[in-house]
């Protein structure tokens, strides 16, 4: 959908992107990550070895909304800390 909308709205100077967050601990879903060993297991699957937080995702969104991202459109930005990049050596 982001590519279709970006193509449709680009001539009007509108960029369209999507953010795909990974495992992100928030006040709303914090209890989910309290299951024994779950947070550690998921964190171990990320390249950055931790769960994300609301600020991690908000910073990506703020960047995309800024003029610094004016040449980025039609993209899905992975904001997962490197979740599922494959096994670490």
PDB file of N, CA and C in Angstrom:
ATOM      1  N   UNK A   1       0.818  -1.186   0.000  1.00  0.00           N
ATOM      2  CA  UNK A   1       0.000   0.000   0.000  1.00  0.00           C
ATOM      3  C   UNK A   1       0.870   1.262   0.000  1.00  0.00           C
ATOM      4  N   UNK A   2       2.010   1.211   0.719  1.00  0.00           N
ATOM      5  CA  UNK A   2       2.857   2.412   0.756  1.00  0.00           C
ATOM      6  C   UNK A   2       3.408   2.738  -0.627  1.00  0.00           C
ATOM      7  N   UNK A   3       3.716   1.728  -1.422  1.00  0.00           N
ATOM      8  CA  UNK A   3       4.239   2.018  -2.761  1.00  0.00           C
ATOM      9  C   UNK A   3       3.154   2.612  -3.659  1.00  0.00           C
ATOM     10  N   UNK A   4       1.959   2.099  -3.568  1.00  0.00           N
ATOM     11  CA  UNK A   4       0.865   2.617  -4.381  1.00  0.00           C
ATOM     12  C   UNK A   4       0.547   4.062  -4.007  1.00  0.00           C
ATOM     13  N   UNK A   5       0.433   4.332  -2.709  1.00  0.00           N
ATOM     14  CA  UNK A   5       0.136   5.694  -2.268  1.00  0.00           C
ATOM     15  C   UNK A   5       1.290   6.646  -2.566  1.00  0.00           C
ATOM     16  N   UNK A   6       2.523   6.174  -2.402  1.00  0.00           N
ATOM     17  CA  UNK A   6       3.677   7.026  -2.704  1.00  0.00           C
ATOM     18  C   UNK A   6       3.673   7.425  -4.167  1.00  0.00           C
ATOM     19  N   UNK A   7       3.355   6.494  -5.036  1.00  0.00           N
ATOM     20  CA  UNK A   7       3.303   6.758  -6.469  1.00  0.00           C
ATOM     21  C   UNK A   7       2.169   7.730  -6.803  1.00  0.00           C
ATOM     22  N   UNK A   8       1.058   7.560  -6.130  1.00  0.00           N
ATOM     23  CA  UNK A   8      -0.113   8.398  -6.384  1.00  0.00           C
ATOM     24  C   UNK A   8       0.061   9.820  -5.849  1.00  0.00           C
ATOM     25  N   UNK A   9       0.704   9.970  -4.712  1.00  0.00           N
ATOM     26  CA  UNK A   9       0.781  11.268  -4.039  1.00  0.00           C
ATOM     27  C   UNK A   9       2.098  12.001  -4.235  1.00  0.00           C
ATOM     28  N   UNK A  10       3.075  11.336  -4.812  1.00  0.00           N
ATOM     29  CA  UNK A  10       4.403  11.927  -4.970  1.00  0.00           C
ATOM     30  C   UNK A  10       4.417  13.233  -5.740  1.00  0.00           C
ATOM     31  N   UNK A  11       3.632  13.346  -6.787  1.00  0.00           N
ATOM     32  CA  UNK A  11       3.602  14.573  -7.583  1.00  0.00           C
ATOM     33  C   UNK A  11       3.109  15.771  -6.777  1.00  0.00           C
ATOM     34  N   UNK A  12       2.437  15.498  -5.664  1.00  0.00           N
ATOM     35  CA  UNK A  12       1.959  16.571  -4.779  1.00  0.00           C
ATOM     36  C   UNK A  12       2.958  16.861  -3.666  1.00  0.00           C
ATOM     37  N   UNK A  13       4.123  16.228  -3.736  1.00  0.00           N
ATOM     38  CA  UNK A  13       5.155  16.457  -2.728  1.00  0.00           C
ATOM     39  C   UNK A  13       4.927  15.698  -1.438  1.00  0.00           C
ATOM     40  N   UNK A  14       4.097  14.665  -1.487  1.00  0.00           N
ATOM     41  CA  UNK A  14       3.771  13.879  -0.298  1.00  0.00           C
ATOM     42  C   UNK A  14       4.541  12.566  -0.356  1.00  0.00           C
ATOM     43  N   UNK A  15       5.284  12.285   0.698  1.00  0.00           N
ATOM     44  CA  UNK A  15       5.965  11.001   0.802  1.00  0.00           C
ATOM     45  C   UNK A  15       5.122  10.063   1.656  1.00  0.00           C
ATOM     46  N   UNK A  16       5.176   8.791   1.325  1.00  0.00           N
ATOM     47  CA  UNK A  16       4.414   7.778   2.059  1.00  0.00           C
ATOM     48  C   UNK A  16       5.352   6.627   2.381  1.00  0.00           C
ATOM     49  N   UNK A  17       5.466   6.310   3.646  1.00  0.00           N
ATOM     50  CA  UNK A  17       6.299   5.202   4.099  1.00  0.00           C
ATOM     51  C   UNK A  17       5.574   4.467   5.209  1.00  0.00           C
ATOM     52  N   UNK A  18       6.011   3.276   5.493  1.00  0.00           N
ATOM     53  CA  UNK A  18       5.457   2.492   6.591  1.00  0.00           C
ATOM     54  C   UNK A  18       6.603   2.091   7.510  1.00  0.00           C
ATOM     55  N   UNK A  19       6.291   1.927   8.781  1.00  0.00           N
ATOM     56  CA  UNK A  19       7.270   1.474   9.765  1.00  0.00           C
ATOM     57  C   UNK A  19       6.820   0.107  10.264  1.00  0.00           C
ATOM     58  N   UNK A  20       7.738  -0.865  10.221  1.00  0.00           N
ATOM     59  CA  UNK A  20       7.453  -2.223  10.679  1.00  0.00           C
ATOM     60  C   UNK A  20       8.255  -2.476  11.954  1.00  0.00           C
ATOM     61  N   UNK A  21       7.641  -2.229  13.110  1.00  0.00           N
ATOM     62  CA  UNK A  21       8.369  -2.436  14.360  1.00  0.00           C
ATOM     63  C   UNK A  21       8.510  -3.922  14.680  1.00  0.00           C
ATOM     64  N   UNK A  22       9.550  -4.233  15.407  1.00  0.00           N
ATOM     65  CA  UNK A  22       9.728  -5.587  15.900  1.00  0.00           C
ATOM     66  C   UNK A  22       9.124  -5.693  17.290  1.00  0.00           C
ATOM     67  N   UNK A  23       9.666  -6.581  18.081  1.00  0.00           N
ATOM     68  CA  UNK A  23       9.192  -6.762  19.452  1.00  0.00           C
ATOM     69  C   UNK A  23       9.486  -5.494  20.244  1.00  0.00           C
ATOM     70  N   UNK A  24       8.434  -4.816  20.653  1.00  0.00           N
ATOM     71  CA  UNK A  24       8.559  -3.527  21.323  1.00  0.00           C
ATOM     72  C   UNK A  24       7.781  -3.571  22.626  1.00  0.00           C
ATOM     73  N   UNK A  25       8.475  -3.382  23.725  1.00  0.00           N
ATOM     74  CA  UNK A  25       7.814  -3.398  25.030  1.00  0.00           C
ATOM     75  C   UNK A  25       7.203  -2.023  25.297  1.00  0.00           C
ATOM     76  N   UNK A  26       5.909  -2.008  25.569  1.00  0.00           N
ATOM     77  CA  UNK A  26       5.206  -0.770  25.882  1.00  0.00           C
ATOM     78  C   UNK A  26       4.463  -0.934  27.202  1.00  0.00           C
ATOM     79  N   UNK A  27       3.869   0.140  27.668  1.00  0.00           N
ATOM     80  CA  UNK A  27       3.075   0.065  28.897  1.00  0.00           C
ATOM     81  C   UNK A  27       1.871  -0.849  28.707  1.00  0.00           C
ATOM     82  N   UNK A  28       1.356  -0.903  27.510  1.00  0.00           N
ATOM     83  CA  UNK A  28       0.170  -1.711  27.223  1.00  0.00           C
ATOM     84  C   UNK A  28       0.470  -3.200  27.134  1.00  0.00           C
ATOM     85  N   UNK A  29       1.606  -3.574  26.532  1.00  0.00           N
ATOM     86  CA  UNK A  29       1.880  -5.001  26.333  1.00  0.00           C
ATOM     87  C   UNK A  29       2.980  -5.537  27.249  1.00  0.00           C
ATOM     88  N   UNK A  30       3.398  -4.763  28.217  1.00  0.00           N
ATOM     89  CA  UNK A  30       4.495  -5.169  29.105  1.00  0.00           C
ATOM     90  C   UNK A  30       4.284  -6.514  29.780  1.00  0.00           C
ATOM     91  N   UNK A  31       3.049  -6.814  30.149  1.00  0.00           N
ATOM     92  CA  UNK A  31       2.769  -8.088  30.822  1.00  0.00           C
ATOM     93  C   UNK A  31       3.072  -9.276  29.924  1.00  0.00           C
ATOM     94  N   UNK A  32       2.900  -9.115  28.632  1.00  0.00           N
ATOM     95  CA  UNK A  32       3.198 -10.190  27.686  1.00  0.00           C
ATOM     96  C   UNK A  32       4.653 -10.632  27.799  1.00  0.00           C
ATOM     97  N   UNK A  33       5.542  -9.679  27.978  1.00  0.00           N
ATOM     98  CA  UNK A  33       6.974  -9.976  28.034  1.00  0.00           C
ATOM     99  C   UNK A  33       7.430 -10.478  29.408  1.00  0.00           C
ATOM    100  N   UNK A  34       6.505 -10.585  30.353  1.00  0.00           N
ATOM    101  CA  UNK A  34       6.852 -11.097  31.679  1.00  0.00           C
ATOM    102  C   UNK A  34       6.841 -12.617  31.749  1.00  0.00           C
ATOM    103  N   UNK A  35       6.395 -13.267  30.699  1.00  0.00           N
ATOM    104  CA  UNK A  35       6.444 -14.735  30.676  1.00  0.00           C
ATOM    105  C   UNK A  35       7.903 -15.154  30.846  1.00  0.00           C
ATOM    106  N   UNK A  36       8.162 -16.133  31.697  1.00  0.00           N
ATOM    107  CA  UNK A  36       9.546 -16.505  31.991  1.00  0.00           C
ATOM    108  C   UNK A  36      10.390 -16.770  30.741  1.00  0.00           C
ATOM    109  N   UNK A  37      11.466 -16.019  30.605  1.00  0.00           N
ATOM    110  CA  UNK A  37      12.431 -16.220  29.540  1.00  0.00           C
ATOM    111  C   UNK A  37      12.053 -15.641  28.185  1.00  0.00           C
ATOM    112  N   UNK A  38      10.823 -15.153  28.029  1.00  0.00           N
ATOM    113  CA  UNK A  38      10.373 -14.689  26.711  1.00  0.00           C
ATOM    114  C   UNK A  38      11.139 -13.455  26.245  1.00  0.00           C
ATOM    115  N   UNK A  39      11.245 -12.451  27.084  1.00  0.00           N
ATOM    116  CA  UNK A  39      11.942 -11.220  26.689  1.00  0.00           C
ATOM    117  C   UNK A  39      13.390 -11.523  26.309  1.00  0.00           C
ATOM    118  N   UNK A  40      14.050 -12.354  27.084  1.00  0.00           N
ATOM    119  CA  UNK A  40      15.442 -12.705  26.793  1.00  0.00           C
ATOM    120  C   UNK A  40      15.562 -13.479  25.483  1.00  0.00           C
ATOM    121  N   UNK A  41      14.607 -14.368  25.257  1.00  0.00           N
ATOM    122  CA  UNK A  41      14.643 -15.175  24.031  1.00  0.00           C
ATOM    123  C   UNK A  41      14.460 -14.297  22.792  1.00  0.00           C
ATOM    124  N   UNK A  42      13.480 -13.405  22.842  1.00  0.00           N
ATOM    125  CA  UNK A  42      13.252 -12.511  21.702  1.00  0.00           C
ATOM    126  C   UNK A  42      14.424 -11.554  21.536  1.00  0.00           C
ATOM    127  N   UNK A  43      14.913 -10.984  22.623  1.00  0.00           N
ATOM    128  CA  UNK A  43      16.060 -10.073  22.547  1.00  0.00           C
ATOM    129  C   UNK A  43      17.259 -10.779  21.918  1.00  0.00           C
ATOM    130  N   UNK A  44      17.447 -12.044  22.231  1.00  0.00           N
ATOM    131  CA  UNK A  44      18.548 -12.813  21.678  1.00  0.00           C
ATOM    132  C   UNK A  44      18.423 -13.068  20.185  1.00  0.00           C
ATOM    133  N   UNK A  45      17.234 -12.841  19.632  1.00  0.00           N
ATOM    134  CA  UNK A  45      17.019 -13.020  18.200  1.00  0.00           C
ATOM    135  C   UNK A  45      17.263 -11.720  17.426  1.00  0.00           C
ATOM    136  N   UNK A  46      17.566 -10.638  18.130  1.00  0.00           N
ATOM    137  CA  UNK A  46      17.821  -9.363  17.463  1.00  0.00           C
ATOM    138  C   UNK A  46      19.320  -9.110  17.380  1.00  0.00           C
ATOM    139  N   UNK A  47      19.721  -8.385  16.360  1.00  0.00           N
ATOM    140  CA  UNK A  47      21.145  -8.043  16.209  1.00  0.00           C
ATOM    141  C   UNK A  47      21.607  -7.128  17.337  1.00  0.00           C
ATOM    142  N   UNK A  48      20.686  -6.350  17.904  1.00  0.00           N
ATOM    143  CA  UNK A  48      21.048  -5.404  18.963  1.00  0.00           C
ATOM    144  C   UNK A  48      20.877  -5.989  20.360  1.00  0.00           C
ATOM    145  N   UNK A  49      20.439  -7.230  20.441  1.00  0.00           N
ATOM    146  CA  UNK A  49      20.349  -7.986  21.697  1.00  0.00           C
ATOM    147  C   UNK A  49      19.467  -7.326  22.753  1.00  0.00           C
ATOM    148  N   UNK A  50      18.361  -6.742  22.308  1.00  0.00           N
ATOM    149  CA  UNK A  50      17.412  -6.158  23.263  1.00  0.00           C
ATOM    150  C   UNK A  50      16.055  -5.988  22.604  1.00  0.00           C
ATOM    151  N   UNK A  51      15.040  -5.820  23.441  1.00  0.00           N
ATOM    152  CA  UNK A  51      13.718  -5.466  22.943  1.00  0.00           C
ATOM    153  C   UNK A  51      13.703  -3.973  22.642  1.00  0.00           C
ATOM    154  N   UNK A  52      12.839  -3.578  21.746  1.00  0.00           N
ATOM    155  CA  UNK A  52      12.674  -2.162  21.471  1.00  0.00           C
ATOM    156  C   UNK A  52      11.756  -1.523  22.493  1.00  0.00           C
ATOM    157  N   UNK A  53      11.790  -0.220  22.512  1.00  0.00           N
ATOM    158  CA  UNK A  53      10.892   0.555  23.349  1.00  0.00           C
ATOM    159  C   UNK A  53      10.163   1.573  22.498  1.00  0.00           C
ATOM    160  N   UNK A  54       9.156   2.211  23.055  1.00  0.00           N
ATOM    161  CA  UNK A  54       8.399   3.196  22.296  1.00  0.00           C
ATOM    162  C   UNK A  54       9.283   4.291  21.674  1.00  0.00           C
ATOM    163  N   UNK A  55      10.314   4.715  22.379  1.00  0.00           N
ATOM    164  CA  UNK A  55      11.198   5.756  21.841  1.00  0.00           C
ATOM    165  C   UNK A  55      11.947   5.287  20.602  1.00  0.00           C
ATOM    166  N   UNK A  56      12.277   4.003  20.536  1.00  0.00           N
ATOM    167  CA  UNK A  56      12.976   3.470  19.365  1.00  0.00           C
ATOM    168  C   UNK A  56      12.114   3.630  18.114  1.00  0.00           C
ATOM    169  N   UNK A  57      10.841   3.332  18.243  1.00  0.00           N
ATOM    170  CA  UNK A  57       9.936   3.434  17.105  1.00  0.00           C
ATOM    171  C   UNK A  57       9.599   4.897  16.822  1.00  0.00           C
ATOM    172  N   UNK A  58       9.369   5.665  17.868  1.00  0.00           N
ATOM    173  CA  UNK A  58       9.033   7.080  17.701  1.00  0.00           C
ATOM    174  C   UNK A  58      10.146   7.833  16.980  1.00  0.00           C
ATOM    175  N   UNK A  59      11.391   7.494  17.250  1.00  0.00           N
ATOM    176  CA  UNK A  59      12.507   8.170  16.584  1.00  0.00           C
ATOM    177  C   UNK A  59      12.535   7.880  15.083  1.00  0.00           C
ATOM    178  N   UNK A  60      12.186   6.661  14.699  1.00  0.00           N
ATOM    179  CA  UNK A  60      12.121   6.317  13.276  1.00  0.00           C
ATOM    180  C   UNK A  60      10.995   7.105  12.605  1.00  0.00           C
ATOM    181  N   UNK A  61       9.850   7.155  13.253  1.00  0.00           N
ATOM    182  CA  UNK A  61       8.712   7.899  12.710  1.00  0.00           C
ATOM    183  C   UNK A  61       9.048   9.388  12.614  1.00  0.00           C
ATOM    184  N   UNK A  62       9.689   9.932  13.653  1.00  0.00           N
ATOM    185  CA  UNK A  62      10.069  11.353  13.633  1.00  0.00           C
ATOM    186  C   UNK A  62      11.034  11.637  12.489  1.00  0.00           C
ATOM    187  N   UNK A  63      11.971  10.741  12.252  1.00  0.00           N
ATOM    188  CA  UNK A  63      12.894  10.924  11.129  1.00  0.00           C
ATOM    189  C   UNK A  63      12.131  10.944   9.812  1.00  0.00           C
ATOM    190  N   UNK A  64      11.237   9.974   9.618  1.00  0.00           N
ATOM    191  CA  UNK A  64      10.490   9.910   8.364  1.00  0.00           C
ATOM    192  C   UNK A  64       9.592  11.133   8.168  1.00  0.00           C
ATOM    193  N   UNK A  65       9.136  11.726   9.250  1.00  0.00           N
ATOM    194  CA  UNK A  65       8.297  12.922   9.165  1.00  0.00           C
ATOM    195  C   UNK A  65       9.127  14.189   8.989  1.00  0.00           C
ATOM    196  N   UNK A  66      10.439  14.093   9.148  1.00  0.00           N
ATOM    197  CA  UNK A  66      11.301  15.272   9.052  1.00  0.00           C
ATOM    198  C   UNK A  66      11.720  15.534   7.614  1.00  0.00           C
ATOM    199  N   UNK A  67      12.238  16.725   7.390  1.00  0.00           N
ATOM    200  CA  UNK A  67      12.728  17.090   6.065  1.00  0.00           C
ATOM    201  C   UNK A  67      13.945  16.252   5.668  1.00  0.00           C
ATOM    202  N   UNK A  68      14.632  15.692   6.646  1.00  0.00           N
ATOM    203  CA  UNK A  68      15.804  14.858   6.344  1.00  0.00           C
ATOM    204  C   UNK A  68      15.425  13.609   5.542  1.00  0.00           C
ATOM    205  N   UNK A  69      14.165  13.213   5.608  1.00  0.00           N
ATOM    206  CA  UNK A  69      13.708  12.015   4.894  1.00  0.00           C
ATOM    207  C   UNK A  69      12.927  12.370   3.626  1.00  0.00           C
ATOM    208  N   UNK A  70      13.109  13.574   3.141  1.00  0.00           N
ATOM    209  CA  UNK A  70      12.321  14.062   2.005  1.00  0.00           C
ATOM    210  C   UNK A  70      12.481  13.245   0.729  1.00  0.00           C
ATOM    211  N   UNK A  71      13.533  12.457   0.606  1.00  0.00           N
ATOM    212  CA  UNK A  71      13.799  11.688  -0.608  1.00  0.00           C
ATOM    213  C   UNK A  71      13.477  10.210  -0.418  1.00  0.00           C
ATOM    214  N   UNK A  72      12.853   9.887   0.684  1.00  0.00           N
ATOM    215  CA  UNK A  72      12.468   8.502   0.977  1.00  0.00           C
ATOM    216  C   UNK A  72      10.958   8.397   0.812  1.00  0.00           C
ATOM    217  N   UNK A  73      10.520   7.524  -0.063  1.00  0.00           N
ATOM    218  CA  UNK A  73       9.084   7.315  -0.242  1.00  0.00           C
ATOM    219  C   UNK A  73       8.824   5.913  -0.774  1.00  0.00           C
ATOM    220  N   UNK A  74       7.664   5.389  -0.417  1.00  0.00           N
ATOM    221  CA  UNK A  74       7.267   4.061  -0.878  1.00  0.00           C
ATOM    222  C   UNK A  74       7.999   2.925  -0.188  1.00  0.00           C
ATOM    223  N   UNK A  75       8.541   3.188   0.977  1.00  0.00           N
ATOM    224  CA  UNK A  75       9.358   2.185   1.661  1.00  0.00           C
ATOM    225  C   UNK A  75       8.671   1.640   2.906  1.00  0.00           C
ATOM    226  N   UNK A  76       9.046   0.444   3.270  1.00  0.00           N
ATOM    227  CA  UNK A  76       8.686  -0.131   4.564  1.00  0.00           C
ATOM    228  C   UNK A  76       9.991  -0.195   5.349  1.00  0.00           C
ATOM    229  N   UNK A  77      10.058   0.579   6.413  1.00  0.00           N
ATOM    230  CA  UNK A  77      11.275   0.669   7.221  1.00  0.00           C
ATOM    231  C   UNK A  77      11.201  -0.346   8.352  1.00  0.00           C
ATOM    232  N   UNK A  78      12.132  -1.274   8.357  1.00  0.00           N
ATOM    233  CA  UNK A  78      12.218  -2.278   9.415  1.00  0.00           C
ATOM    234  C   UNK A  78      12.824  -1.611  10.649  1.00  0.00           C
ATOM    235  N   UNK A  79      12.039  -1.538  11.711  1.00  0.00           N
ATOM    236  CA  UNK A  79      12.506  -0.952  12.969  1.00  0.00           C
ATOM    237  C   UNK A  79      12.429  -2.027  14.046  1.00  0.00           C
ATOM    238  N   UNK A  80      13.176  -3.103  13.815  1.00  0.00           N
ATOM    239  CA  UNK A  80      13.076  -4.270  14.689  1.00  0.00           C
ATOM    240  C   UNK A  80      14.363  -4.560  15.454  1.00  0.00           C
ATOM    241  N   UNK A  81      15.359  -3.704  15.304  1.00  0.00           N
ATOM    242  CA  UNK A  81      16.632  -3.985  15.961  1.00  0.00           C
ATOM    243  C   UNK A  81      17.361  -5.159  15.330  1.00  0.00           C
ATOM    244  N   UNK A  82      16.968  -5.499  14.117  1.00  0.00           N
ATOM    245  CA  UNK A  82      17.617  -6.610  13.424  1.00  0.00           C
ATOM    246  C   UNK A  82      17.016  -7.962  13.752  1.00  0.00           C
ATOM    247  N   UNK A  83      15.730  -7.983  14.094  1.00  0.00           N
ATOM    248  CA  UNK A  83      15.048  -9.249  14.372  1.00  0.00           C
ATOM    249  C   UNK A  83      15.007 -10.086  13.103  1.00  0.00           C
ATOM    250  N   UNK A  84      15.341 -11.347  13.221  1.00  0.00           N
ATOM    251  CA  UNK A  84      15.299 -12.317  12.118  1.00  0.00           C
ATOM    252  C   UNK A  84      16.321 -12.061  11.017  1.00  0.00           C
ATOM    253  N   UNK A  85      17.443 -11.460  11.334  1.00  0.00           N
ATOM    254  CA  UNK A  85      18.504 -11.317  10.332  1.00  0.00           C
ATOM    255  C   UNK A  85      19.247 -12.632  10.126  1.00  0.00           C
ATOM    256  N   UNK A  86      19.022 -13.540  11.012  1.00  0.00           N
ATOM    257  CA  UNK A  86      19.711 -14.826  10.933  1.00  0.00           C
ATOM    258  C   UNK A  86      20.565 -15.019  12.154  1.00  0.00           C
ATOM    259  N   UNK A  87      21.136 -16.191  12.293  1.00  0.00           N
ATOM    260  CA  UNK A  87      21.953 -16.474  13.479  1.00  0.00           C
ATOM    261  C   UNK A  87      23.188 -15.589  13.530  1.00  0.00           C
ATOM    262  N   UNK A  88      23.520 -15.191  14.751  1.00  0.00           N
ATOM    263  CA  UNK A  88      24.741 -14.416  14.954  1.00  0.00           C
ATOM    264  C   UNK A  88      25.903 -15.378  15.129  1.00  0.00           C
ATOM    265  N   UNK A  89      27.024 -14.989  14.585  1.00  0.00           N
ATOM    266  CA  UNK A  89      28.213 -15.852  14.677  1.00  0.00           C
ATOM    267  C   UNK A  89      28.816 -15.824  16.056  1.00  0.00           C
TER     268      UNK A  89
END
